[in-house]
């Protein structure tokens, strides 16, 4: 796995989390329904949650990359897969995270 694939998986997880928030039968969907939002308010809530989750995941990825601090501590972490292979070199996660979370990449290069 490379940095772009790693970040693409985080992006897919974000999309799944947001979809789950609106899935009937879930606790989050029940809470949203209890708000009795108009369609416009429901869309505004969906948009706000998208921005919030995107920002949280982007910050975590940059923290792993060493490009941002995590809890006030900024350092580079080596990300290894289960075989001990390096997934990303310093800066790779930052570039991929920016492409996925801020430039709107929706598919992996070459796919």
N, C-alpha and C. Protein backbone atom coordinates (compact mmCIF):
# COMPACT_ATOMS: atom_id res chain seq x y z
N UNK A 1 0.85 -1.18 0.00
CA UNK A 1 0.00 0.00 0.00
C UNK A 1 0.89 1.23 0.00
N UNK A 2 0.51 2.23 -0.76
CA UNK A 2 1.25 3.48 -0.77
C UNK A 2 0.44 4.57 -0.05
N UNK A 3 1.02 5.75 0.05
CA UNK A 3 0.39 6.85 0.78
C UNK A 3 -0.96 7.22 0.17
N UNK A 4 -1.06 7.25 -1.15
CA UNK A 4 -2.32 7.64 -1.79
C UNK A 4 -3.42 6.63 -1.49
N UNK A 5 -3.09 5.36 -1.53
CA UNK A 5 -4.08 4.33 -1.23
C UNK A 5 -4.50 4.40 0.24
N UNK A 6 -3.53 4.63 1.13
CA UNK A 6 -3.82 4.77 2.56
C UNK A 6 -4.80 5.91 2.79
N UNK A 7 -4.53 7.05 2.20
CA UNK A 7 -5.41 8.22 2.36
C UNK A 7 -6.75 7.98 1.67
N UNK A 8 -6.75 7.33 0.52
CA UNK A 8 -8.01 7.02 -0.17
C UNK A 8 -8.90 6.16 0.72
N UNK A 9 -8.31 5.25 1.46
CA UNK A 9 -9.08 4.42 2.39
C UNK A 9 -9.67 5.26 3.52
N UNK A 10 -8.92 6.23 4.02
CA UNK A 10 -9.45 7.15 5.04
C UNK A 10 -10.62 7.95 4.45
N UNK A 11 -10.47 8.40 3.21
CA UNK A 11 -11.53 9.17 2.57
C UNK A 11 -12.79 8.30 2.41
N UNK A 12 -12.61 7.05 2.01
CA UNK A 12 -13.75 6.13 1.88
C UNK A 12 -14.41 5.91 3.24
N UNK A 13 -13.61 5.83 4.29
CA UNK A 13 -14.16 5.67 5.64
C UNK A 13 -14.99 6.89 6.04
N UNK A 14 -14.50 8.07 5.67
CA UNK A 14 -15.25 9.31 5.95
C UNK A 14 -16.62 9.26 5.27
N UNK A 15 -16.63 8.85 4.01
CA UNK A 15 -17.89 8.77 3.28
C UNK A 15 -18.84 7.76 3.93
N UNK A 16 -18.30 6.64 4.39
CA UNK A 16 -19.13 5.62 5.05
C UNK A 16 -19.66 6.13 6.38
N UNK A 17 -18.85 6.84 7.14
CA UNK A 17 -19.31 7.40 8.41
C UNK A 17 -20.45 8.39 8.20
N UNK A 18 -20.30 9.25 7.20
CA UNK A 18 -21.36 10.23 6.93
C UNK A 18 -22.65 9.55 6.48
N UNK A 19 -22.52 8.54 5.64
CA UNK A 19 -23.71 7.80 5.19
C UNK A 19 -24.38 7.10 6.37
N UNK A 20 -23.58 6.55 7.26
CA UNK A 20 -24.14 5.84 8.42
C UNK A 20 -24.92 6.77 9.34
N UNK A 21 -24.53 8.04 9.38
CA UNK A 21 -25.23 9.01 10.24
C UNK A 21 -26.68 9.18 9.82
N UNK A 22 -26.99 8.90 8.57
CA UNK A 22 -28.34 9.09 8.04
C UNK A 22 -29.07 7.77 7.81
N UNK A 23 -28.44 6.66 8.15
CA UNK A 23 -29.03 5.35 7.92
C UNK A 23 -30.12 5.05 8.94
N UNK A 24 -31.35 4.79 8.47
CA UNK A 24 -32.44 4.50 9.41
C UNK A 24 -32.06 3.35 10.34
N UNK A 25 -32.47 3.50 11.59
CA UNK A 25 -32.20 2.47 12.58
C UNK A 25 -30.93 2.72 13.39
N UNK A 26 -30.12 3.72 12.99
CA UNK A 26 -28.92 4.03 13.77
C UNK A 26 -29.24 5.10 14.80
N UNK A 27 -28.44 5.15 15.84
CA UNK A 27 -28.64 6.15 16.90
C UNK A 27 -28.50 7.56 16.35
N UNK A 28 -27.54 7.77 15.45
CA UNK A 28 -27.36 9.11 14.91
C UNK A 28 -28.56 9.51 14.05
N UNK A 29 -29.09 8.59 13.24
CA UNK A 29 -30.25 8.92 12.42
C UNK A 29 -31.46 9.24 13.30
N UNK A 30 -31.60 8.53 14.40
CA UNK A 30 -32.71 8.81 15.32
C UNK A 30 -32.56 10.20 15.93
N UNK A 31 -31.35 10.57 16.29
CA UNK A 31 -31.14 11.92 16.85
C UNK A 31 -31.40 13.01 15.82
N UNK A 32 -30.95 12.75 14.60
CA UNK A 32 -31.19 13.73 13.53
C UNK A 32 -32.69 13.86 13.30
N UNK A 33 -33.41 12.74 13.24
CA UNK A 33 -34.86 12.78 13.03
C UNK A 33 -35.56 13.52 14.16
N UNK A 34 -35.07 13.37 15.38
CA UNK A 34 -35.70 14.04 16.53
C UNK A 34 -35.55 15.55 16.47
N UNK A 35 -34.64 16.04 15.66
CA UNK A 35 -34.45 17.49 15.50
C UNK A 35 -35.54 18.11 14.64
N UNK A 36 -36.27 17.28 13.90
CA UNK A 36 -37.35 17.75 13.03
C UNK A 36 -36.86 18.88 12.12
N UNK A 37 -35.78 18.64 11.42
CA UNK A 37 -35.17 19.65 10.55
C UNK A 37 -35.93 19.76 9.24
N UNK A 38 -35.95 20.96 8.72
CA UNK A 38 -36.47 21.15 7.36
C UNK A 38 -35.45 20.53 6.41
N UNK A 39 -35.83 20.29 5.15
CA UNK A 39 -34.86 19.75 4.19
C UNK A 39 -33.60 20.62 4.07
N UNK A 40 -33.78 21.92 4.10
CA UNK A 40 -32.62 22.82 4.01
C UNK A 40 -31.73 22.72 5.25
N UNK A 41 -32.34 22.61 6.41
CA UNK A 41 -31.57 22.46 7.64
C UNK A 41 -30.85 21.11 7.67
N UNK A 42 -31.52 20.07 7.21
CA UNK A 42 -30.90 18.75 7.17
C UNK A 42 -29.69 18.76 6.25
N UNK A 43 -29.79 19.44 5.11
CA UNK A 43 -28.65 19.54 4.19
C UNK A 43 -27.53 20.35 4.83
N UNK A 44 -27.88 21.42 5.54
CA UNK A 44 -26.85 22.22 6.22
C UNK A 44 -26.13 21.39 7.27
N UNK A 45 -26.87 20.56 8.00
CA UNK A 45 -26.26 19.67 8.99
C UNK A 45 -25.34 18.66 8.32
N UNK A 46 -25.80 18.06 7.23
CA UNK A 46 -24.99 17.10 6.48
C UNK A 46 -23.69 17.77 6.00
N UNK A 47 -23.81 18.98 5.47
CA UNK A 47 -22.63 19.71 4.98
C UNK A 47 -21.66 20.02 6.11
N UNK A 48 -22.19 20.44 7.27
CA UNK A 48 -21.35 20.76 8.41
C UNK A 48 -20.62 19.51 8.91
N UNK A 49 -21.34 18.39 9.00
CA UNK A 49 -20.71 17.14 9.44
C UNK A 49 -19.61 16.71 8.46
N UNK A 50 -19.84 16.90 7.18
CA UNK A 50 -18.84 16.57 6.17
C UNK A 50 -17.57 17.39 6.39
N UNK A 51 -17.73 18.68 6.61
CA UNK A 51 -16.58 19.55 6.85
C UNK A 51 -15.87 19.15 8.14
N UNK A 52 -16.62 18.90 9.18
CA UNK A 52 -16.05 18.55 10.47
C UNK A 52 -15.24 17.25 10.39
N UNK A 53 -15.83 16.21 9.82
CA UNK A 53 -15.15 14.92 9.73
C UNK A 53 -13.94 15.03 8.79
N UNK A 54 -14.10 15.76 7.69
CA UNK A 54 -12.97 15.96 6.77
C UNK A 54 -11.81 16.65 7.48
N UNK A 55 -12.10 17.71 8.22
CA UNK A 55 -11.05 18.44 8.93
C UNK A 55 -10.38 17.56 9.98
N UNK A 56 -11.16 16.76 10.70
CA UNK A 56 -10.59 15.88 11.73
C UNK A 56 -9.67 14.84 11.09
N UNK A 57 -10.13 14.20 10.04
CA UNK A 57 -9.30 13.18 9.39
C UNK A 57 -8.07 13.78 8.74
N UNK A 58 -8.22 14.92 8.11
CA UNK A 58 -7.09 15.60 7.48
C UNK A 58 -6.03 15.95 8.53
N UNK A 59 -6.46 16.46 9.67
CA UNK A 59 -5.54 16.82 10.74
C UNK A 59 -4.82 15.59 11.28
N UNK A 60 -5.55 14.50 11.46
CA UNK A 60 -4.91 13.26 11.93
C UNK A 60 -3.88 12.75 10.93
N UNK A 61 -4.21 12.78 9.66
CA UNK A 61 -3.26 12.33 8.64
C UNK A 61 -2.01 13.22 8.63
N UNK A 62 -2.20 14.53 8.74
CA UNK A 62 -1.04 15.42 8.78
C UNK A 62 -0.23 15.22 10.04
N UNK A 63 -0.89 14.87 11.14
CA UNK A 63 -0.17 14.57 12.37
C UNK A 63 0.70 13.35 12.21
N UNK A 64 0.18 12.32 11.56
CA UNK A 64 0.99 11.12 11.29
C UNK A 64 2.16 11.42 10.36
N UNK A 65 1.94 12.35 9.47
CA UNK A 65 2.97 12.73 8.50
C UNK A 65 4.06 13.59 9.12
N UNK A 66 3.76 14.22 10.25
CA UNK A 66 4.70 15.14 10.86
C UNK A 66 4.51 16.57 10.40
N UNK A 67 3.45 16.82 9.64
CA UNK A 67 3.17 18.15 9.11
C UNK A 67 2.28 18.97 10.03
N UNK A 68 1.73 18.35 11.07
CA UNK A 68 0.88 19.04 12.04
C UNK A 68 1.11 18.37 13.39
N UNK A 69 0.74 19.07 14.45
CA UNK A 69 0.92 18.48 15.78
C UNK A 69 -0.31 17.66 16.16
N UNK A 70 -0.06 16.67 16.98
CA UNK A 70 -1.12 15.87 17.58
C UNK A 70 -1.02 16.09 19.08
N UNK A 71 -2.01 16.73 19.66
CA UNK A 71 -1.98 17.00 21.09
C UNK A 71 -0.83 17.88 21.51
N UNK A 72 -0.40 18.76 20.64
CA UNK A 72 0.68 19.68 20.95
C UNK A 72 2.07 19.12 20.69
N UNK A 73 2.17 17.90 20.21
CA UNK A 73 3.45 17.26 19.94
C UNK A 73 3.57 17.01 18.44
N UNK A 74 4.55 17.63 17.83
CA UNK A 74 4.72 17.47 16.39
C UNK A 74 5.99 16.69 16.11
N UNK A 75 5.81 15.54 15.46
CA UNK A 75 6.94 14.70 15.05
C UNK A 75 6.50 13.83 13.90
N UNK A 76 7.46 13.30 13.18
CA UNK A 76 7.17 12.40 12.07
C UNK A 76 7.09 10.97 12.60
N UNK A 77 6.08 10.26 12.17
CA UNK A 77 5.92 8.86 12.53
C UNK A 77 6.13 8.01 11.28
N UNK A 78 6.78 6.88 11.43
CA UNK A 78 6.95 5.97 10.32
C UNK A 78 5.74 5.04 10.29
N UNK A 79 5.05 5.03 9.20
CA UNK A 79 3.86 4.20 9.03
C UNK A 79 4.25 2.96 8.25
N UNK A 80 4.11 1.80 8.90
CA UNK A 80 4.47 0.53 8.28
C UNK A 80 3.23 -0.33 8.10
N UNK A 81 3.24 -1.15 7.05
CA UNK A 81 2.15 -2.11 6.89
C UNK A 81 2.49 -3.37 7.69
N UNK A 82 1.63 -4.36 7.63
CA UNK A 82 1.83 -5.56 8.44
C UNK A 82 3.07 -6.36 8.05
N UNK A 83 3.60 -6.11 6.86
CA UNK A 83 4.82 -6.79 6.42
C UNK A 83 6.07 -6.00 6.78
N UNK A 84 5.89 -4.83 7.40
CA UNK A 84 7.02 -3.99 7.76
C UNK A 84 7.47 -3.05 6.66
N UNK A 85 6.72 -3.01 5.56
CA UNK A 85 7.04 -2.10 4.47
C UNK A 85 6.55 -0.70 4.79
N UNK A 86 7.32 0.30 4.42
CA UNK A 86 6.95 1.69 4.65
C UNK A 86 5.80 2.06 3.72
N UNK A 87 4.73 2.59 4.30
CA UNK A 87 3.58 3.02 3.52
C UNK A 87 3.82 4.41 2.93
N UNK A 88 4.47 5.28 3.71
CA UNK A 88 4.68 6.66 3.26
C UNK A 88 5.96 7.23 3.83
N UNK A 89 6.64 8.01 3.02
CA UNK A 89 7.78 8.79 3.47
C UNK A 89 7.26 10.13 3.95
N UNK A 90 8.07 10.85 4.68
CA UNK A 90 7.66 12.15 5.21
C UNK A 90 7.19 13.06 4.08
N UNK A 91 5.99 13.59 4.21
CA UNK A 91 5.42 14.49 3.21
C UNK A 91 4.43 13.81 2.28
N UNK A 92 4.51 12.48 2.15
CA UNK A 92 3.62 11.76 1.24
C UNK A 92 2.16 11.81 1.71
N UNK A 93 1.93 11.64 3.01
CA UNK A 93 0.56 11.69 3.51
C UNK A 93 -0.04 13.08 3.36
N UNK A 94 0.78 14.10 3.61
CA UNK A 94 0.29 15.47 3.47
C UNK A 94 -0.19 15.74 2.05
N UNK A 95 0.61 15.36 1.07
CA UNK A 95 0.24 15.60 -0.33
C UNK A 95 -1.01 14.82 -0.72
N UNK A 96 -1.07 13.55 -0.33
CA UNK A 96 -2.25 12.74 -0.67
C UNK A 96 -3.49 13.24 0.07
N UNK A 97 -3.34 13.60 1.33
CA UNK A 97 -4.49 14.09 2.10
C UNK A 97 -5.03 15.38 1.51
N UNK A 98 -4.14 16.26 1.07
CA UNK A 98 -4.60 17.50 0.45
C UNK A 98 -5.39 17.20 -0.82
N UNK A 99 -4.87 16.29 -1.63
CA UNK A 99 -5.56 15.94 -2.88
C UNK A 99 -6.93 15.34 -2.61
N UNK A 100 -7.03 14.43 -1.65
CA UNK A 100 -8.31 13.77 -1.37
C UNK A 100 -9.29 14.66 -0.62
N UNK A 101 -8.84 15.38 0.38
CA UNK A 101 -9.75 16.11 1.25
C UNK A 101 -9.96 17.57 0.85
N UNK A 102 -9.08 18.14 0.02
CA UNK A 102 -9.23 19.56 -0.33
C UNK A 102 -9.31 19.81 -1.84
N UNK A 103 -8.76 18.93 -2.64
CA UNK A 103 -8.83 19.13 -4.08
C UNK A 103 -9.94 18.33 -4.72
N UNK A 104 -10.61 17.49 -3.92
CA UNK A 104 -11.77 16.76 -4.43
C UNK A 104 -11.44 15.53 -5.22
N UNK A 105 -10.24 14.93 -5.03
CA UNK A 105 -9.94 13.68 -5.74
C UNK A 105 -10.97 12.65 -5.30
N UNK A 106 -11.54 11.93 -6.24
CA UNK A 106 -12.57 10.95 -5.94
C UNK A 106 -12.19 9.55 -6.40
N UNK A 107 -11.06 9.43 -7.09
CA UNK A 107 -10.61 8.12 -7.52
C UNK A 107 -9.09 8.12 -7.53
N UNK A 108 -8.53 6.95 -7.44
CA UNK A 108 -7.07 6.82 -7.43
C UNK A 108 -6.53 7.09 -8.83
N UNK A 109 -5.34 7.68 -8.93
CA UNK A 109 -4.74 7.92 -10.24
C UNK A 109 -4.65 6.61 -11.03
N UNK A 110 -5.00 6.65 -12.30
CA UNK A 110 -4.92 5.49 -13.14
C UNK A 110 -6.13 4.57 -13.06
N UNK A 111 -7.13 4.94 -12.23
CA UNK A 111 -8.32 4.06 -12.14
C UNK A 111 -9.53 4.72 -12.76
